PDB file of N, CA and C in Angstrom:
ATOM      1  N   MET A   1     -11.623 -39.732  24.932  1.00  0.00           N
ATOM      2  CA  MET A   1     -11.591 -38.533  25.465  1.00  0.00           C
ATOM      3  C   MET A   1     -10.458 -37.786  24.428  1.00  0.00           C
ATOM      4  N   ASP A   2     -10.724 -36.408  24.160  1.00  0.00           N
ATOM      5  CA  ASP A   2      -9.863 -35.443  23.595  1.00  0.00           C
ATOM      6  C   ASP A   2      -8.724 -35.125  24.577  1.00  0.00           C
ATOM      7  N   ARG A   3      -7.475 -35.127  23.688  1.00  0.00           N
ATOM      8  CA  ARG A   3      -6.228 -34.990  24.548  1.00  0.00           C
ATOM      9  C   ARG A   3      -6.158 -33.512  24.908  1.00  0.00           C
ATOM     10  N   ASP A   4      -6.623 -32.479  24.225  1.00  0.00           N
ATOM     11  CA  ASP A   4      -6.697 -31.122  24.520  1.00  0.00           C
ATOM     12  C   ASP A   4      -7.488 -30.921  25.896  1.00  0.00           C
ATOM     13  N   PHE A   5      -8.632 -31.578  25.980  1.00  0.00           N
ATOM     14  CA  PHE A   5      -9.534 -31.592  27.225  1.00  0.00           C
ATOM     15  C   PHE A   5      -8.764 -32.004  28.132  1.00  0.00           C
ATOM     16  N   ALA A   6      -8.206 -33.111  28.216  1.00  0.00           N
ATOM     17  CA  ALA A   6      -7.599 -33.847  29.248  1.00  0.00           C
ATOM     18  C   ALA A   6      -6.535 -33.075  29.782  1.00  0.00           C
ATOM     19  N   GLU A   7      -5.815 -32.456  28.996  1.00  0.00           N
ATOM     20  CA  GLU A   7      -4.504 -31.662  29.346  1.00  0.00           C
ATOM     21  C   GLU A   7      -5.131 -30.433  30.107  1.00  0.00           C
ATOM     22  N   LYS A   8      -6.039 -29.743  29.511  1.00  0.00           N
ATOM     23  CA  LYS A   8      -6.378 -28.408  30.217  1.00  0.00           C
ATOM     24  C   LYS A   8      -7.212 -28.859  31.551  1.00  0.00           C
ATOM     25  N   ASN A   9      -7.584 -29.758  31.725  1.00  0.00           N
ATOM     26  CA  ASN A   9      -8.208 -30.234  33.178  1.00  0.00           C
ATOM     27  C   ASN A   9      -7.298 -31.125  34.008  1.00  0.00           C
ATOM     28  N   GLY A  10      -6.106 -31.265  33.594  1.00  0.00           N
ATOM     29  CA  GLY A  10      -5.203 -31.802  34.397  1.00  0.00           C
ATOM     30  C   GLY A  10      -5.346 -33.299  34.594  1.00  0.00           C
ATOM     31  N   LEU A  11      -5.905 -34.036  33.546  1.00  0.00           N
ATOM     32  CA  LEU A  11      -6.303 -35.489  33.517  1.00  0.00           C
ATOM     33  C   LEU A  11      -4.958 -36.465  33.317  1.00  0.00           C
ATOM     34  N   LEU A  12      -4.088 -35.546  32.517  1.00  0.00           N
ATOM     35  CA  LEU A  12      -2.892 -36.432  32.122  1.00  0.00           C
ATOM     36  C   LEU A  12      -1.542 -36.291  33.074  1.00  0.00           C
ATOM     37  N   GLN A  13      -1.996 -36.223  34.318  1.00  0.00           N
ATOM     38  CA  GLN A  13      -0.917 -36.134  35.302  1.00  0.00           C
ATOM     39  C   GLN A  13      -0.358 -37.642  35.444  1.00  0.00           C
ATOM     40  N   GLU A  14       0.968 -37.881  35.885  1.00  0.00           N
ATOM     41  CA  GLU A  14       1.448 -39.019  35.740  1.00  0.00           C
ATOM     42  C   GLU A  14       0.823 -40.056  36.747  1.00  0.00           C
ATOM     43  N   ASN A  15       0.357 -39.600  37.935  1.00  0.00           N
ATOM     44  CA  ASN A  15      -0.379 -40.404  38.894  1.00  0.00           C
ATOM     45  C   ASN A  15      -1.495 -40.981  38.493  1.00  0.00           C
ATOM     46  N   ASN A  16      -2.367 -40.326  37.524  1.00  0.00           N
ATOM     47  CA  ASN A  16      -3.632 -40.563  36.803  1.00  0.00           C
ATOM     48  C   ASN A  16      -3.553 -41.538  35.758  1.00  0.00           C
ATOM     49  N   ILE A  17      -2.353 -41.760  35.148  1.00  0.00           N
ATOM     50  CA  ILE A  17      -2.312 -42.702  33.958  1.00  0.00           C
ATOM     51  C   ILE A  17      -2.144 -44.012  34.500  1.00  0.00           C
ATOM     52  N   LEU A  18      -3.039 -44.914  34.274  1.00  0.00           N
ATOM     53  CA  LEU A  18      -3.087 -46.309  34.801  1.00  0.00           C
ATOM     54  C   LEU A  18      -2.071 -47.367  33.837  1.00  0.00           C
ATOM     55  N   TRP A  19      -2.274 -47.075  32.378  1.00  0.00           N
ATOM     56  CA  TRP A  19      -1.373 -47.790  31.360  1.00  0.00           C
ATOM     57  C   TRP A  19      -1.374 -47.141  30.218  1.00  0.00           C
ATOM     58  N   LYS A  20      -0.757 -47.569  29.283  1.00  0.00           N
ATOM     59  CA  LYS A  20      -0.625 -47.169  27.907  1.00  0.00           C
ATOM     60  C   LYS A  20      -1.191 -48.361  26.963  1.00  0.00           C
ATOM     61  N   LYS A  21      -2.024 -48.178  26.006  1.00  0.00           N
ATOM     62  CA  LYS A  21      -2.320 -49.363  25.119  1.00  0.00           C
ATOM     63  C   LYS A  21      -2.309 -48.943  23.585  1.00  0.00           C
ATOM     64  N   VAL A  22      -1.690 -49.980  23.054  1.00  0.00           N
ATOM     65  CA  VAL A  22      -1.841 -49.649  21.521  1.00  0.00           C
ATOM     66  C   VAL A  22      -2.927 -49.865  20.932  1.00  0.00           C
ATOM     67  N   PHE A  23      -3.509 -48.889  20.310  1.00  0.00           N
ATOM     68  CA  PHE A  23      -4.767 -48.883  19.361  1.00  0.00           C
ATOM     69  C   PHE A  23      -4.510 -49.025  17.889  1.00  0.00           C
ATOM     70  N   ARG A  24      -5.194 -49.943  17.044  1.00  0.00           N
ATOM     71  CA  ARG A  24      -4.842 -50.050  15.748  1.00  0.00           C
ATOM     72  C   ARG A  24      -6.056 -49.642  14.981  1.00  0.00           C
ATOM     73  N   ASN A  25      -5.746 -49.062  13.805  1.00  0.00           N
ATOM     74  CA  ASN A  25      -6.897 -48.571  12.848  1.00  0.00           C
ATOM     75  C   ASN A  25      -6.471 -48.813  11.573  1.00  0.00           C
ATOM     76  N   SER A  26      -7.122 -48.228  10.573  1.00  0.00           N
ATOM     77  CA  SER A  26      -6.723 -48.404   9.185  1.00  0.00           C
ATOM     78  C   SER A  26      -5.503 -47.573   8.684  1.00  0.00           C
ATOM     79  N   ILE A  27      -5.333 -46.526   9.454  1.00  0.00           N
ATOM     80  CA  ILE A  27      -4.192 -45.664   9.255  1.00  0.00           C
ATOM     81  C   ILE A  27      -2.773 -46.260   9.895  1.00  0.00           C
ATOM     82  N   GLY A  28      -2.789 -46.917  10.930  1.00  0.00           N
ATOM     83  CA  GLY A  28      -1.654 -47.622  11.461  1.00  0.00           C
ATOM     84  C   GLY A  28      -2.171 -47.777  13.157  1.00  0.00           C
ATOM     85  N   SER A  29      -1.070 -47.748  13.944  1.00  0.00           N
ATOM     86  CA  SER A  29      -1.148 -47.918  15.314  1.00  0.00           C
ATOM     87  C   SER A  29      -0.986 -46.910  15.986  1.00  0.00           C
ATOM     88  N   GLU A  30      -1.233 -46.590  17.224  1.00  0.00           N
ATOM     89  CA  GLU A  30      -1.078 -45.465  18.345  1.00  0.00           C
ATOM     90  C   GLU A  30      -1.088 -45.829  19.468  1.00  0.00           C
ATOM     91  N   GLU A  31       0.092 -45.452  20.388  1.00  0.00           N
ATOM     92  CA  GLU A  31      -0.155 -45.725  21.663  1.00  0.00           C
ATOM     93  C   GLU A  31      -0.881 -44.714  22.550  1.00  0.00           C
ATOM     94  N   ARG A  32      -1.802 -45.020  23.234  1.00  0.00           N
ATOM     95  CA  ARG A  32      -2.484 -43.958  23.987  1.00  0.00           C
ATOM     96  C   ARG A  32      -2.681 -44.207  25.397  1.00  0.00           C
ATOM     97  N   PRO A  33      -2.540 -43.181  26.364  1.00  0.00           N
ATOM     98  CA  PRO A  33      -2.709 -43.273  27.560  1.00  0.00           C
ATOM     99  C   PRO A  33      -4.165 -43.528  28.120  1.00  0.00           C
ATOM    100  N   VAL A  34      -4.430 -44.489  29.035  1.00  0.00           N
ATOM    101  CA  VAL A  34      -5.530 -44.750  29.686  1.00  0.00           C
ATOM    102  C   VAL A  34      -5.731 -44.230  31.047  1.00  0.00           C
ATOM    103  N   ILE A  35      -6.771 -43.539  31.544  1.00  0.00           N
ATOM    104  CA  ILE A  35      -6.784 -42.727  32.722  1.00  0.00           C
ATOM    105  C   ILE A  35      -8.038 -43.095  33.573  1.00  0.00           C
ATOM    106  N   ASN A  36      -7.959 -42.674  34.657  1.00  0.00           N
ATOM    107  CA  ASN A  36      -9.321 -42.874  35.708  1.00  0.00           C
ATOM    108  C   ASN A  36      -9.989 -41.557  35.248  1.00  0.00           C
ATOM    109  N   PHE A  37     -11.270 -41.816  35.495  1.00  0.00           N
ATOM    110  CA  PHE A  37     -12.198 -40.733  34.827  1.00  0.00           C
ATOM    111  C   PHE A  37     -13.508 -41.000  35.632  1.00  0.00           C
ATOM    112  N   SER A  38     -13.962 -39.822  36.177  1.00  0.00           N
ATOM    113  CA  SER A  38     -15.273 -39.832  37.062  1.00  0.00           C
ATOM    114  C   SER A  38     -16.179 -38.447  36.471  1.00  0.00           C
ATOM    115  N   PHE A  39     -17.396 -39.110  36.266  1.00  0.00           N
ATOM    116  CA  PHE A  39     -18.390 -37.976  35.678  1.00  0.00           C
ATOM    117  C   PHE A  39     -19.839 -38.370  36.289  1.00  0.00           C
ATOM    118  N   TYR A  40     -20.623 -37.245  36.217  1.00  0.00           N
ATOM    119  CA  TYR A  40     -22.059 -37.433  36.662  1.00  0.00           C
ATOM    120  C   TYR A  40     -22.850 -37.485  35.353  1.00  0.00           C
ATOM    121  N   LEU A  41     -23.829 -38.453  35.493  1.00  0.00           N
ATOM    122  CA  LEU A  41     -24.964 -38.790  34.293  1.00  0.00           C
ATOM    123  C   LEU A  41     -26.264 -38.957  34.914  1.00  0.00           C
ATOM    124  N   ALA A  42     -27.061 -38.051  34.934  1.00  0.00           N
ATOM    125  CA  ALA A  42     -28.403 -38.141  35.439  1.00  0.00           C
ATOM    126  C   ALA A  42     -28.309 -38.224  36.875  1.00  0.00           C
ATOM    127  N   GLY A  43     -27.448 -37.483  37.490  1.00  0.00           N
ATOM    128  CA  GLY A  43     -27.297 -37.323  38.921  1.00  0.00           C
ATOM    129  C   GLY A  43     -26.628 -38.631  39.657  1.00  0.00           C
ATOM    130  N   THR A  44     -26.007 -39.553  38.684  1.00  0.00           N
ATOM    131  CA  THR A  44     -25.354 -40.708  39.115  1.00  0.00           C
ATOM    132  C   THR A  44     -23.720 -40.520  38.870  1.00  0.00           C
ATOM    133  N   LYS A  45     -23.055 -40.720  39.875  1.00  0.00           N
ATOM    134  CA  LYS A  45     -21.702 -40.750  39.710  1.00  0.00           C
ATOM    135  C   LYS A  45     -20.985 -41.947  38.968  1.00  0.00           C
ATOM    136  N   ILE A  46     -20.406 -41.792  37.910  1.00  0.00           N
ATOM    137  CA  ILE A  46     -19.932 -43.063  37.061  1.00  0.00           C
ATOM    138  C   ILE A  46     -18.245 -42.851  37.251  1.00  0.00           C
ATOM    139  N   ASN A  47     -17.550 -44.069  37.562  1.00  0.00           N
ATOM    140  CA  ASN A  47     -16.092 -44.242  37.724  1.00  0.00           C
ATOM    141  C   ASN A  47     -15.837 -44.934  36.576  1.00  0.00           C
ATOM    142  N   THR A  48     -14.800 -44.755  35.683  1.00  0.00           N
ATOM    143  CA  THR A  48     -14.553 -45.365  34.462  1.00  0.00           C
ATOM    144  C   THR A  48     -13.093 -45.238  34.342  1.00  0.00           C
ATOM    145  N   VAL A  49     -12.651 -45.725  33.161  1.00  0.00           N
ATOM    146  CA  VAL A  49     -11.363 -45.338  32.533  1.00  0.00           C
ATOM    147  C   VAL A  49     -11.572 -44.937  31.188  1.00  0.00           C
ATOM    148  N   ALA A  50     -10.751 -44.149  30.538  1.00  0.00           N
ATOM    149  CA  ALA A  50     -10.958 -43.287  29.202  1.00  0.00           C
ATOM    150  C   ALA A  50      -9.637 -43.628  28.737  1.00  0.00           C
ATOM    151  N   SER A  51      -9.676 -43.827  27.364  1.00  0.00           N
ATOM    152  CA  SER A  51      -8.375 -43.583  26.763  1.00  0.00           C
ATOM    153  C   SER A  51      -8.387 -42.189  25.870  1.00  0.00           C
ATOM    154  N   ILE A  52      -7.095 -41.675  25.816  1.00  0.00           N
ATOM    155  CA  ILE A  52      -6.983 -40.375  25.274  1.00  0.00           C
ATOM    156  C   ILE A  52      -6.437 -40.342  23.864  1.00  0.00           C
ATOM    157  N   SER A  53      -7.105 -39.541  22.932  1.00  0.00           N
ATOM    158  CA  SER A  53      -6.785 -39.547  21.586  1.00  0.00           C
ATOM    159  C   SER A  53      -7.111 -38.091  21.201  1.00  0.00           C
ATOM    160  N   ASN A  54      -6.522 -37.900  19.836  1.00  0.00           N
ATOM    161  CA  ASN A  54      -6.872 -36.521  19.176  1.00  0.00           C
ATOM    162  C   ASN A  54      -8.360 -36.483  18.697  1.00  0.00           C
ATOM    163  N   ARG A  55      -9.185 -35.757  19.225  1.00  0.00           N
ATOM    164  CA  ARG A  55     -10.568 -35.691  18.694  1.00  0.00           C
ATOM    165  C   ARG A  55     -11.039 -34.455  18.034  1.00  0.00           C
ATOM    166  N   LYS A  56      -9.961 -33.632  17.775  1.00  0.00           N
ATOM    167  CA  LYS A  56     -10.274 -32.236  17.304  1.00  0.00           C
ATOM    168  C   LYS A  56     -11.016 -32.080  16.144  1.00  0.00           C
ATOM    169  N   SER A  57     -10.985 -33.323  15.001  1.00  0.00           N
ATOM    170  CA  SER A  57     -11.804 -33.256  14.079  1.00  0.00           C
ATOM    171  C   SER A  57     -13.118 -33.899  14.339  1.00  0.00           C
ATOM    172  N   MET A  58     -13.499 -34.098  15.475  1.00  0.00           N
ATOM    173  CA  MET A  58     -14.845 -34.977  15.836  1.00  0.00           C
ATOM    174  C   MET A  58     -15.570 -33.849  16.517  1.00  0.00           C
ATOM    175  N   LYS A  59     -17.035 -34.201  16.447  1.00  0.00           N
ATOM    176  CA  LYS A  59     -18.028 -33.259  16.810  1.00  0.00           C
ATOM    177  C   LYS A  59     -18.058 -33.215  18.544  1.00  0.00           C
ATOM    178  N   LYS A  60     -17.799 -34.354  19.086  1.00  0.00           N
ATOM    179  CA  LYS A  60     -17.801 -34.520  20.631  1.00  0.00           C
ATOM    180  C   LYS A  60     -16.457 -34.913  21.141  1.00  0.00           C
ATOM    181  N   ILE A  61     -16.069 -34.385  22.282  1.00  0.00           N
ATOM    182  CA  ILE A  61     -14.744 -34.450  22.898  1.00  0.00           C
ATOM    183  C   ILE A  61     -14.723 -35.930  23.680  1.00  0.00           C
ATOM    184  N   CYS A  62     -15.821 -36.429  23.827  1.00  0.00           N
ATOM    185  CA  CYS A  62     -15.730 -37.751  24.673  1.00  0.00           C
ATOM    186  C   CYS A  62     -16.723 -38.535  24.331  1.00  0.00           C
ATOM    187  N   ILE A  63     -16.611 -39.918  24.202  1.00  0.00           N
ATOM    188  CA  ILE A  63     -17.795 -40.855  23.898  1.00  0.00           C
ATOM    189  C   ILE A  63     -17.880 -41.694  25.137  1.00  0.00           C
ATOM    190  N   ILE A  64     -19.161 -41.843  25.420  1.00  0.00           N
ATOM    191  CA  ILE A  64     -19.629 -42.705  26.639  1.00  0.00           C
ATOM    192  C   ILE A  64     -19.886 -44.069  26.220  1.00  0.00           C
ATOM    193  N   GLY A  65     -19.272 -45.229  26.742  1.00  0.00           N
ATOM    194  CA  GLY A  65     -19.622 -46.457  26.028  1.00  0.00           C
ATOM    195  C   GLY A  65     -20.706 -47.094  26.725  1.00  0.00           C
ATOM    196  N   ARG A  66     -21.048 -48.414  26.258  1.00  0.00           N
ATOM    197  CA  ARG A  66     -22.192 -49.246  26.733  1.00  0.00           C
ATOM    198  C   ARG A  66     -21.751 -49.724  28.167  1.00  0.00           C
ATOM    199  N   ARG A  67     -20.773 -49.981  28.591  1.00  0.00           N
ATOM    200  CA  ARG A  67     -20.490 -50.297  29.838  1.00  0.00           C
ATOM    201  C   ARG A  67     -20.734 -49.396  30.811  1.00  0.00           C
ATOM    202  N   ASP A  68     -20.512 -47.983  30.492  1.00  0.00           N
ATOM    203  CA  ASP A  68     -21.020 -47.029  31.540  1.00  0.00           C
ATOM    204  C   ASP A  68     -22.623 -46.370  31.482  1.00  0.00           C
ATOM    205  N   LEU A  69     -23.030 -47.006  30.255  1.00  0.00           N
ATOM    206  CA  LEU A  69     -24.643 -46.666  30.136  1.00  0.00           C
ATOM    207  C   LEU A  69     -25.567 -47.905  30.774  1.00  0.00           C
ATOM    208  N   GLY A  70     -25.063 -48.689  31.292  1.00  0.00           N
ATOM    209  CA  GLY A  70     -25.848 -49.812  31.911  1.00  0.00           C
ATOM    210  C   GLY A  70     -26.864 -49.162  33.032  1.00  0.00           C
ATOM    211  N   GLY A  71     -28.085 -49.585  32.878  1.00  0.00           N
ATOM    212  CA  GLY A  71     -29.026 -49.148  33.882  1.00  0.00           C
ATOM    213  C   GLY A  71     -29.681 -47.857  33.490  1.00  0.00           C
ATOM    214  N   PHE A  72     -29.438 -47.175  32.341  1.00  0.00           N
ATOM    215  CA  PHE A  72     -29.942 -45.966  31.888  1.00  0.00           C
ATOM    216  C   PHE A  72     -30.835 -46.102  30.733  1.00  0.00           C
ATOM    217  N   LEU A  73     -31.815 -45.493  30.637  1.00  0.00           N
ATOM    218  CA  LEU A  73     -32.712 -45.880  29.342  1.00  0.00           C
ATOM    219  C   LEU A  73     -32.177 -44.532  28.322  1.00  0.00           C
ATOM    220  N   ILE A  74     -31.835 -45.172  27.257  1.00  0.00           N
ATOM    221  CA  ILE A  74     -31.373 -44.260  26.153  1.00  0.00           C
ATOM    222  C   ILE A  74     -32.135 -44.084  25.054  1.00  0.00           C
ATOM    223  N   LYS A  75     -32.493 -43.012  24.513  1.00  0.00           N
ATOM    224  CA  LYS A  75     -33.205 -42.878  23.421  1.00  0.00           C
ATOM    225  C   LYS A  75     -32.501 -42.335  22.151  1.00  0.00           C
ATOM    226  N   THR A  76     -32.353 -43.158  20.986  1.00  0.00           N
ATOM    227  CA  THR A  76     -31.613 -42.645  19.963  1.00  0.00           C
ATOM    228  C   THR A  76     -32.524 -42.272  19.042  1.00  0.00           C
ATOM    229  N   SER A  77     -31.834 -41.115  18.312  1.00  0.00           N
ATOM    230  CA  SER A  77     -32.859 -40.540  17.162  1.00  0.00           C
ATOM    231  C   SER A  77     -31.973 -40.292  16.144  1.00  0.00           C
TER     232      SER A  77
END
């Protein structure tokens, strides 16, 4: 999830941060907060966790993973 979106919506409050995790990529490593997050998809409430990162250069502010898409029919194109 995008850091700016999370800050604007009050998701980065200290009581909502579960832990901090180190993510490694080709550029290096980065410590990201992991938060509780709930959203609705096709009328179903999904309770999940989300890591917070800078997604300014990306098209979407959030990625929904396969763990949260179980039970939904997804058409890719």
